[in-house]
Protein backbone atom coordinates (compact mmCIF):
# COMPACT_ATOMS: atom_id res chain seq x y z
CA MET A 1 0.00 0.00 0.00
CA ASP A 2 3.05 2.27 0.16
CA LYS A 3 3.11 4.96 -2.50
CA ILE A 4 6.42 6.56 -3.40
CA CYS A 5 6.30 10.18 -4.60
CA GLY A 6 9.84 11.46 -5.07
CA ASN A 7 11.47 10.67 -1.75
CA ILE A 8 8.20 10.80 0.24
CA ILE A 9 6.50 7.55 1.17
CA SER A 10 2.77 7.70 1.98
CA ASP A 11 0.81 4.77 3.33
CA THR A 12 -2.47 6.57 3.88
CA VAL A 13 -5.38 7.38 1.60
CA LYS A 14 -7.76 10.32 1.49
CA PHE A 15 -11.44 9.92 2.22
CA SER A 16 -12.16 11.12 -1.32
CA GLN A 17 -10.37 7.97 -2.53
CA PHE A 18 -12.50 5.53 -0.52
CA ALA A 19 -14.70 4.67 -3.52
CA ASP A 20 -11.58 3.32 -5.25
CA PHE A 21 -10.75 1.15 -2.23
CA ASP A 22 -14.19 -0.33 -1.49
CA GLY A 23 -13.71 -3.65 0.31
CA LYS A 24 -9.97 -3.14 0.72
CA VAL A 25 -7.87 -2.48 3.81
CA VAL A 26 -6.41 1.03 3.99
CA ALA A 27 -4.84 3.33 6.56
CA ILE A 28 -5.77 6.86 7.59
CA LYS A 29 -4.09 9.28 9.98
CA GLY A 30 -5.68 12.02 12.04
CA TYR A 31 -7.17 13.06 15.35
CA ILE A 32 -9.90 11.25 17.23
CA HIS A 33 -12.65 13.82 16.89
CA ARG A 34 -15.35 11.94 18.79
CA ILE A 35 -15.95 8.53 20.37
CA ARG A 36 -19.43 7.08 20.76
CA GLU A 37 -19.36 3.83 22.69
CA MET A 38 -22.34 1.57 22.15
CA THR A 39 -23.19 -1.90 23.44
CA GLY A 40 -20.64 -4.23 21.88
CA PHE A 41 -19.20 -1.70 19.41
CA ALA A 42 -18.11 1.94 19.07
CA PHE A 43 -18.10 4.70 16.50
CA VAL A 44 -14.79 6.54 16.23
CA ILE A 45 -14.82 9.73 14.17
CA ILE A 46 -11.39 10.58 12.77
CA ARG A 47 -10.65 14.17 11.80
CA THR A 48 -8.17 14.50 8.97
CA ASP A 49 -6.98 17.68 7.28
CA ARG A 50 -10.35 18.18 5.59
CA ASP A 51 -12.71 15.32 6.44
CA LEU A 52 -14.54 13.66 9.29
CA ILE A 53 -14.35 9.89 8.69
CA GLN A 54 -16.62 7.49 10.51
CA CYS A 55 -14.80 4.37 11.71
CA VAL A 56 -16.53 1.46 13.43
CA TYR A 57 -14.96 -0.73 16.10
CA ALA A 58 -16.44 -4.20 16.66
CA PRO A 59 -14.64 -7.33 17.92
CA GLU A 60 -15.73 -9.34 14.89
CA PHE A 61 -13.85 -7.10 12.45
CA SER A 62 -10.37 -8.23 13.60
CA SER A 63 -8.32 -9.46 16.55
CA TYR A 64 -7.73 -5.86 17.65
CA ARG A 65 -9.19 -5.01 21.06
CA TRP A 66 -10.14 -1.57 22.32
CA ASP A 67 -7.36 0.39 24.05
CA ASP A 68 -8.65 2.29 27.08
CA LYS A 69 -6.05 5.02 26.51
CA LEU A 70 -7.90 6.12 23.36
CA CYS A 71 -9.48 9.51 23.84
CA GLU A 72 -10.61 12.53 21.90
CA GLU A 73 -7.76 14.55 20.32
CA ALA A 74 -5.41 11.58 20.38
CA CYS A 75 -3.34 11.40 17.19
CA VAL A 76 -3.77 7.98 15.65
CA LYS A 77 -3.20 5.82 12.60
CA VAL A 78 -6.16 3.60 11.82
CA HIS A 79 -6.05 0.49 9.64
CA GLY A 80 -9.39 -0.80 8.45
CA LYS A 81 -11.57 -2.13 5.69
CA VAL A 82 -13.51 0.34 3.55
CA ALA A 83 -17.21 -0.51 3.71
CA LYS A 84 -19.93 0.95 1.50
CA SER A 85 -23.53 1.44 2.60
CA THR A 86 -26.54 3.57 1.70
CA ASP A 87 -28.51 5.83 4.01
CA ALA A 88 -32.29 6.20 4.22
CA LYS A 89 -32.27 8.62 1.29
CA GLY A 90 -30.29 6.25 -0.92
CA ASN A 91 -27.05 8.21 -0.66
CA VAL A 92 -23.88 6.12 -0.81
CA ARG A 93 -21.71 6.34 2.29
CA TYR A 94 -18.32 4.93 3.19
CA GLU A 95 -16.92 4.07 6.59
CA LEU A 96 -13.93 2.19 7.93
CA GLN A 97 -14.25 -1.10 9.81
CA ILE A 98 -11.37 -0.89 12.28
CA HIS A 99 -8.67 -3.56 12.16
CA ASN A 100 -6.11 -1.71 14.25
CA ILE A 101 -5.53 1.67 15.92
CA GLU A 102 -1.96 2.83 16.47
CA ILE A 103 -1.62 5.65 18.99
CA LEU A 104 0.86 8.25 17.72
CA SER A 105 0.44 10.71 20.60
CA LEU A 106 -1.94 11.46 23.45
CA PRO A 107 -3.08 14.91 24.67
CA ALA A 108 -1.57 16.04 27.97
CA ASP A 109 -4.77 17.77 29.06
CA ASN A 110 -8.44 18.11 28.24
CA LEU A 111 -9.42 20.73 25.68
CA PRO A 112 -10.47 24.09 27.17
CA ILE A 113 -13.44 24.22 24.75
CA VAL A 114 -15.64 21.68 22.99
CA ILE A 115 -14.65 21.56 19.33
CA ASN A 116 -16.35 18.37 18.12
CA LYS A 117 -19.75 19.89 17.45
CA LYS A 118 -20.85 21.42 14.17
CA GLN A 119 -19.90 24.85 15.43
CA LEU A 120 -18.48 26.48 18.54
CA ASP A 121 -21.44 27.17 20.81
CA ASN A 122 -21.71 29.97 23.35
CA ILE A 123 -18.07 30.98 23.05
CA GLY A 124 -17.19 34.63 22.64
CA LEU A 125 -15.07 35.74 19.69
CA SER A 126 -12.27 36.83 22.01
CA THR A 127 -12.01 33.30 23.45
CA VAL A 128 -12.14 31.78 19.96
CA LEU A 129 -9.22 33.99 18.92
CA ASP A 130 -7.25 33.41 22.13
CA LEU A 131 -7.49 29.65 21.48
CA ARG A 132 -7.11 29.85 17.70
CA PRO A 133 -4.79 26.81 17.30
CA ILE A 134 -7.48 24.76 19.07
CA SER A 135 -10.69 26.48 17.97
CA MET A 136 -9.75 26.06 14.30
CA ARG A 137 -9.96 22.30 14.78
CA ASN A 138 -13.74 22.73 14.78
CA PRO A 139 -15.06 21.72 11.33
CA LYS A 140 -16.91 24.99 10.76
CA GLU A 141 -13.97 27.16 11.81
CA ARG A 142 -11.64 25.08 9.66
CA ALA A 143 -13.98 25.41 6.67
CA ILE A 144 -13.72 29.21 6.79
CA PHE A 145 -10.07 29.11 5.94
CA LYS A 146 -10.40 26.43 3.29
CA VAL A 147 -12.82 28.81 1.54
CA GLN A 148 -10.30 31.59 2.01
CA GLU A 149 -7.68 29.36 0.44
CA GLY A 150 -10.02 28.93 -2.53
CA ILE A 151 -10.43 32.69 -2.92
CA ALA A 152 -6.68 33.32 -3.00
CA ARG A 153 -6.13 30.29 -5.22
CA GLY A 154 -8.78 31.46 -7.68
CA PHE A 155 -7.26 34.96 -7.76
CA ARG A 156 -3.83 33.52 -8.53
CA GLU A 157 -5.06 30.96 -11.10
CA CYS A 158 -7.10 33.42 -13.13
CA LEU A 159 -4.36 36.01 -13.32
CA MET A 160 -1.68 33.52 -14.30
CA LYS A 161 -3.94 32.24 -17.07
CA ASN A 162 -4.17 35.83 -18.32
CA GLY A 163 -0.47 36.56 -18.59
CA PHE A 164 0.30 37.93 -15.12
CA THR A 165 3.58 37.30 -13.30
CA GLU A 166 3.56 36.74 -9.55
CA ILE A 167 5.93 39.06 -7.67
CA ARG A 168 7.33 39.47 -4.16
CA SER A 169 7.71 43.03 -2.91
CA PRO A 170 9.53 44.08 0.29
CA LYS A 171 7.57 44.81 3.45
CA ILE A 172 10.21 47.12 4.90
CA ASN A 173 10.15 50.36 2.93
CA PHE A 174 11.77 53.79 2.92
CA ALA A 175 8.35 55.50 2.74
CA GLY A 176 4.66 54.75 2.69
CA ALA A 177 2.92 54.08 -0.59
CA GLU A 178 -0.05 56.26 0.28
CA GLY A 179 1.42 58.86 2.60
CA GLY A 180 -0.40 60.05 5.69
CA THR A 181 0.20 59.14 9.32
CA ASN A 182 -1.13 55.58 9.24
CA ILE A 183 2.30 54.00 8.76
CA PHE A 184 4.10 51.73 11.21
CA LYS A 185 7.53 53.13 11.96
CA LEU A 186 10.42 50.73 12.42
CA ASP A 187 13.92 51.21 13.84
CA TYR A 188 16.09 49.69 11.15
CA PHE A 189 19.68 49.68 12.38
CA GLY A 190 19.35 53.27 13.53
CA LYS A 191 17.33 54.42 10.54
CA GLN A 192 13.61 55.07 10.46
CA VAL A 193 11.78 52.97 7.91
CA TYR A 194 8.19 51.78 7.55
CA LEU A 195 6.14 48.63 7.20
CA ALA A 196 4.49 48.45 3.81
CA GLN A 197 1.00 49.90 3.49
CA SER A 198 0.78 48.43 0.00
CA PRO A 199 2.98 46.90 -2.72
CA GLN A 200 1.85 49.77 -4.93
CA LEU A 201 5.17 51.41 -5.75
CA TYR A 202 6.83 48.09 -6.52
CA LYS A 203 4.09 46.59 -8.63
CA GLN A 204 4.08 49.78 -10.70
CA ALA A 205 7.84 49.50 -11.17
CA LEU A 206 7.47 45.91 -12.30
CA VAL A 207 4.81 46.79 -14.86
CA GLY A 208 7.80 48.19 -16.75
CA VAL A 209 9.30 44.69 -16.70
CA TYR A 210 6.50 42.12 -16.91
CA GLN A 211 3.57 44.34 -18.03
CA ARG A 212 1.11 42.40 -15.85
CA VAL A 213 1.94 41.53 -12.22
CA PHE A 214 0.19 40.43 -9.05
CA GLU A 215 0.94 39.69 -5.42
CA VAL A 216 -0.90 38.09 -2.49
CA ALA A 217 0.82 39.28 0.69
CA PRO A 218 0.36 41.10 4.01
CA VAL A 219 0.10 44.87 4.30
CA PHE A 220 0.14 47.03 7.42
CA ARG A 221 -1.94 50.04 8.45
CA ALA A 222 -1.19 51.92 11.69
CA GLU A 223 -4.76 53.10 12.14
CA HIS A 224 -6.21 53.45 15.63
CA HIS A 225 -9.66 52.18 14.74
CA ASP A 226 -11.27 49.24 16.50
CA THR A 227 -14.11 48.30 14.18
CA SER A 228 -15.57 45.06 12.92
CA ARG A 229 -14.23 45.63 9.40
CA HIS A 230 -10.65 46.87 9.94
CA LEU A 231 -7.36 45.20 10.82
CA ASN A 232 -3.84 46.56 11.27
CA GLU A 233 -2.41 43.68 9.27
CA TYR A 234 -4.33 42.01 6.49
CA THR A 235 -3.74 40.13 3.27
CA SER A 236 -4.01 42.20 0.12
CA MET A 237 -4.57 40.62 -3.27
CA ASP A 238 -3.08 43.13 -5.71
CA PHE A 239 -2.61 43.27 -9.44
CA GLU A 240 -1.30 45.87 -11.88
CA MET A 241 -1.80 45.94 -15.66
CA GLY A 242 0.28 47.76 -18.25
CA PHE A 243 -0.76 49.00 -21.68
CA ILE A 244 -4.38 49.50 -20.70
CA ASN A 245 -6.81 51.49 -22.82
CA ASP A 246 -8.42 53.04 -19.76
CA PHE A 247 -9.34 52.16 -16.18
CA THR A 248 -12.33 50.06 -17.27
CA ASP A 249 -9.82 47.42 -18.42
CA ILE A 250 -8.93 46.95 -14.75
CA MET A 251 -12.58 46.69 -13.75
CA ASN A 252 -13.23 44.10 -16.47
CA MET A 253 -10.25 42.06 -15.29
CA GLU A 254 -11.54 42.10 -11.73
CA VAL A 255 -14.93 40.84 -12.87
CA MET A 256 -13.18 38.00 -14.70
CA VAL A 257 -11.19 37.16 -11.57
CA LEU A 258 -14.24 37.19 -9.33
CA LYS A 259 -16.14 34.92 -11.72
CA HIS A 260 -13.25 32.47 -11.65
CA ILE A 261 -13.07 32.56 -7.85
CA MET A 262 -16.78 31.90 -7.40
CA ASN A 263 -16.80 29.07 -9.96
CA LEU A 264 -13.78 27.48 -8.29
CA LEU A 265 -15.45 27.63 -4.89
CA LYS A 266 -18.57 25.96 -6.24
CA SER A 267 -16.67 23.21 -8.03
CA GLU A 268 -13.92 22.36 -5.52
CA TYR A 269 -15.06 23.70 -2.15
CA ALA A 270 -18.68 22.54 -2.19
CA GLU A 271 -18.35 20.73 1.12
CA GLU A 272 -17.12 23.85 2.89
CA LEU A 273 -19.79 25.99 1.22
CA ASP A 274 -22.40 23.58 2.56
CA ILE A 275 -20.95 23.58 6.09
CA LEU A 276 -20.93 27.36 6.15
CA HIS A 277 -24.25 27.81 4.28
CA ILE A 278 -22.58 30.19 1.84
CA ASP A 279 -24.65 31.83 -0.87
CA VAL A 280 -22.15 32.16 -3.71
CA PRO A 281 -23.09 35.09 -5.95
CA GLU A 282 -23.75 34.62 -9.63
CA ILE A 283 -21.71 37.16 -11.60
CA THR A 284 -22.54 38.21 -15.14
CA GLU A 285 -21.87 41.90 -15.62
CA VAL A 286 -21.17 44.30 -12.77
CA PRO A 287 -22.94 47.69 -13.00
CA SER A 288 -21.18 50.96 -12.21
CA ILE A 289 -22.14 54.41 -11.00
CA LYS A 290 -20.12 57.62 -10.69
CA PHE A 291 -19.26 58.82 -7.19
CA MET A 292 -21.31 62.03 -7.27
CA ASP A 293 -24.24 60.27 -8.92
CA ALA A 294 -24.13 57.75 -6.08
CA LYS A 295 -24.19 60.58 -3.53
CA GLU A 296 -27.20 62.12 -5.24
CA LEU A 297 -28.94 58.71 -5.33
CA ILE A 298 -28.37 58.22 -1.61
CA MET A 299 -29.81 61.63 -0.78
CA LYS A 300 -32.82 61.49 -3.11
CA LYS A 301 -33.81 57.82 -3.05
CA PHE A 302 -32.97 56.98 0.55
CA LYS A 303 -33.37 60.46 2.11
CA TYR A 304 -29.98 60.05 3.80
CA GLN A 305 -27.76 63.07 4.31
CA PRO A 306 -24.06 62.22 3.97
CA GLN A 307 -21.63 63.78 6.44
CA ASP A 308 -18.65 63.54 4.06
CA MET A 309 -18.99 64.45 0.40
CA LYS A 310 -15.54 63.06 -0.45
CA ASP A 311 -16.09 59.48 0.71
CA PHE A 312 -18.77 57.03 1.81
CA ASP A 313 -19.60 55.97 5.34
CA PRO A 314 -20.74 52.37 6.10
CA THR A 315 -24.43 53.30 5.96
CA GLU A 316 -24.02 54.78 2.48
CA GLU A 317 -22.25 51.64 1.28
CA GLU A 318 -25.10 49.52 2.67
CA LEU A 319 -27.69 51.67 0.88
CA LEU A 320 -25.80 51.37 -2.40
CA GLY A 321 -25.65 47.61 -1.89
CA LYS A 322 -29.43 47.48 -1.45
CA TYR A 323 -29.90 49.61 -4.55
CA ALA A 324 -27.61 47.38 -6.63
CA LYS A 325 -29.39 44.22 -5.54
CA LYS A 326 -32.96 45.44 -5.81
CA GLU A 327 -32.74 47.72 -8.83
CA LEU A 328 -29.88 46.20 -10.81
CA GLY A 329 -29.99 42.57 -9.72
CA SER A 330 -26.33 42.52 -8.74
CA ASP A 331 -24.44 41.72 -5.54
CA PHE A 332 -21.64 43.94 -6.83
CA LEU A 333 -21.46 47.61 -7.75
CA PHE A 334 -18.54 49.65 -9.05
CA VAL A 335 -18.38 53.26 -7.88
CA THR A 336 -16.10 55.30 -10.14
CA HIS A 337 -14.53 58.78 -10.32
CA TYR A 338 -13.69 59.37 -6.67
CA PRO A 339 -12.61 62.91 -5.66
CA SER A 340 -8.95 63.62 -6.26
CA LYS A 341 -8.44 64.78 -2.68
CA LYS A 342 -9.37 61.33 -1.36
CA ARG A 343 -7.13 59.27 -3.67
CA PRO A 344 -3.37 58.62 -3.44
CA PHE A 345 -0.81 60.76 -5.29
CA TYR A 346 -0.28 58.18 -8.04
CA THR A 347 -3.95 58.20 -9.12
CA MET A 348 -4.65 59.77 -12.51
CA ASP A 349 -7.04 62.71 -12.50
CA ASP A 350 -9.91 62.74 -14.96
CA PRO A 351 -8.75 64.99 -17.83
CA ASN A 352 -12.35 66.12 -18.30
CA ASP A 353 -12.68 67.13 -14.64
CA PRO A 354 -9.46 67.14 -12.58
CA GLU A 355 -11.42 67.38 -9.33
CA TYR A 356 -12.16 63.69 -9.80
CA THR A 357 -10.04 60.66 -10.66
CA LEU A 358 -10.05 57.70 -13.00
CA SER A 359 -10.49 55.41 -10.03
CA PHE A 360 -13.08 53.08 -8.53
CA ASP A 361 -14.14 51.04 -5.55
CA LEU A 362 -16.02 47.76 -5.78
CA LEU A 363 -18.84 47.21 -3.31
CA PHE A 364 -19.92 43.65 -2.54
CA ARG A 365 -23.32 43.41 -0.87
CA GLY A 366 -22.87 46.90 0.52
CA LEU A 367 -19.26 46.65 1.66
CA GLU A 368 -16.16 48.03 -0.08
CA ILE A 369 -13.78 45.18 -0.92
CA THR A 370 -11.62 46.79 -3.63
CA SER A 371 -9.93 50.09 -4.41
CA GLY A 372 -8.29 50.63 -7.77
CA GLY A 373 -7.82 52.86 -10.74
CA GLN A 374 -5.56 54.19 -13.45
CA ARG A 375 -2.12 55.47 -12.41
CA ILE A 376 -0.20 58.48 -13.67
CA HIS A 377 2.39 57.28 -16.16
CA ASP A 378 3.81 60.63 -17.39
CA TYR A 379 6.89 61.78 -15.47
CA GLU A 380 6.14 65.52 -15.42
CA GLU A 381 2.53 64.91 -14.47
CA GLN A 382 3.52 62.62 -11.61
CA VAL A 383 6.09 65.06 -10.23
CA GLU A 384 3.57 67.90 -10.46
CA LYS A 385 0.98 65.94 -8.49
CA MET A 386 3.52 64.98 -5.85
CA VAL A 387 4.37 68.63 -5.31
CA LYS A 388 0.67 69.47 -5.20
CA CYS A 389 0.24 66.83 -2.48
CA GLY A 390 3.08 68.36 -0.45
CA MET A 391 5.56 65.59 -1.25
CA ASP A 392 9.24 65.93 -2.12
CA PRO A 393 9.86 64.11 -5.44
CA SER A 394 13.57 63.79 -4.64
CA GLN A 395 12.62 61.33 -1.89
CA PHE A 396 10.99 59.05 -4.49
CA GLU A 397 13.73 58.78 -7.11
CA THR A 398 13.59 54.99 -7.29
CA TYR A 399 9.81 55.07 -7.71
CA LEU A 400 10.04 57.73 -10.41
CA MET A 401 12.49 55.65 -12.45
CA LEU A 402 9.47 54.00 -14.04
CA HIS A 403 8.05 57.33 -15.17
CA LYS A 404 11.36 58.98 -16.06
CA TYR A 405 12.51 56.19 -18.35
CA GLY A 406 9.22 55.28 -19.99
CA ALA A 407 6.02 53.95 -18.45
CA PRO A 408 3.02 52.46 -20.25
CA PRO A 409 -0.54 53.48 -19.42
CA HIS A 410 -1.29 51.26 -16.45
CA GLY A 411 -3.46 50.69 -13.43
CA GLY A 412 -4.46 48.14 -10.88
CA LEU A 413 -6.26 47.36 -7.67
CA GLY A 414 -6.13 45.73 -4.27
CA ILE A 415 -8.68 43.37 -2.69
CA GLY A 416 -8.77 42.67 1.05
CA LEU A 417 -8.79 38.88 1.34
CA GLU A 418 -10.16 38.71 4.87
CA ARG A 419 -12.85 41.30 4.20
CA LEU A 420 -14.01 39.54 1.04
CA THR A 421 -14.15 36.25 2.95
CA MET A 422 -16.09 37.91 5.77
CA HIS A 423 -18.77 39.27 3.50
CA LEU A 424 -19.03 36.11 1.44
CA LEU A 425 -19.68 34.17 4.65
CA GLY A 426 -22.01 36.80 6.05
CA ALA A 427 -19.81 37.10 9.15
CA LYS A 428 -20.15 40.11 11.42
CA ASN A 429 -16.49 40.70 12.19
CA VAL A 430 -13.43 40.47 9.95
CA ARG A 431 -11.56 38.79 12.82
CA GLU A 432 -13.77 35.74 12.30
CA THR A 433 -12.17 35.30 8.88
CA THR A 434 -8.60 36.08 9.91
CA MET A 435 -6.49 33.18 11.16
CA PHE A 436 -4.44 35.22 13.63
CA PRO A 437 -5.77 38.80 13.63
CA ARG A 438 -3.61 41.79 14.44
CA ASP A 439 -5.41 44.91 15.63
CA ILE A 440 -4.83 47.64 18.19
CA ASN A 441 -5.57 45.20 21.03
CA ARG A 442 -4.24 41.86 19.78
CA VAL A 443 -0.79 40.58 18.89
CA THR A 444 -1.24 37.00 20.17
CA PRO A 445 -1.41 34.10 19.62
């Protein structure tokens, strides 16, 4: 039964392979998730990396006899015969008739929480996060991050199929990509440097090399907020495209990526979608609305008076989400042409109205998950805007190499992985969809 793959020998099979081993003896490895002792036999549920496998112990199956040291969360290797049956609805099921259980390790203490139910009951989020290495053993908690894996995988797959090159940008930088005060300062051998707010400056530089680039990596924001939708470290899924016709090319690429992600989730993460009761959106075309038109819509249709005419607050985003769903039949809505004063220095102004930019946000069910737009590619124009923003261009000589020595029309975007996961799941707090969240109060575990 040994399988040799390179220099790795595996003697276990996946639950998904059980149909190929019907009636044969196989081995599986995992944790004992639950034990249900009955009269004369016992059910032993083994938790593997993705599955819960029902194993049955009965003396008639083999000469193996029950070991009283067996307990929940023991790590074991189980040998047994794959047995097929059908349930009351006619569905085919597979279980393992136990021939032997080898104990690999035993827990030193009882778990501080019960993790072998469908979900963690009556446990506060703070406790769930404090015990993350344990709480994630719960099938529902574990499923969250398999779905998140699928989102990042789909992002990567789609872009690579469309000619993008994956890059790795540094996270210790000489300056922030977006300016402002929300930058983590770092003592770097006596020099002051900063943790990266974004890979923006580097992905723009590499557009001059590869034309289309992307990165999935952490970014850092030193913001003192403590809300359900913000983190101080999160994973940003970024891409940048060169030789675009205009910023709608970027929007169209994002729609393509999102379609691929959702289709991948439905095809290869169906079990997790079912566990989490996820309603995966159907994406055809994504409608768009200009920023000021959206403001007018909010005031006239919903009788809501915005407090800030240069950005949206959460209530406004929710109202736009309701409008998109009810009136346009879409879970997504692009908002374009944000005010120049609210966009970073590298954002291209609209030549028809320089007060606004060739930029956009994407709202998903009333929550912003993406910011993007067209970048300035002309050297003189970029220097002029830097000066206008109170920046010293001489401090950005390496960034300006792209512009000074020839840059194509380009643009890109960033998607918050944890926030997208949160809203897809319908979770209330982004920390629920972050493996080990970092915010103003938490730096452990």
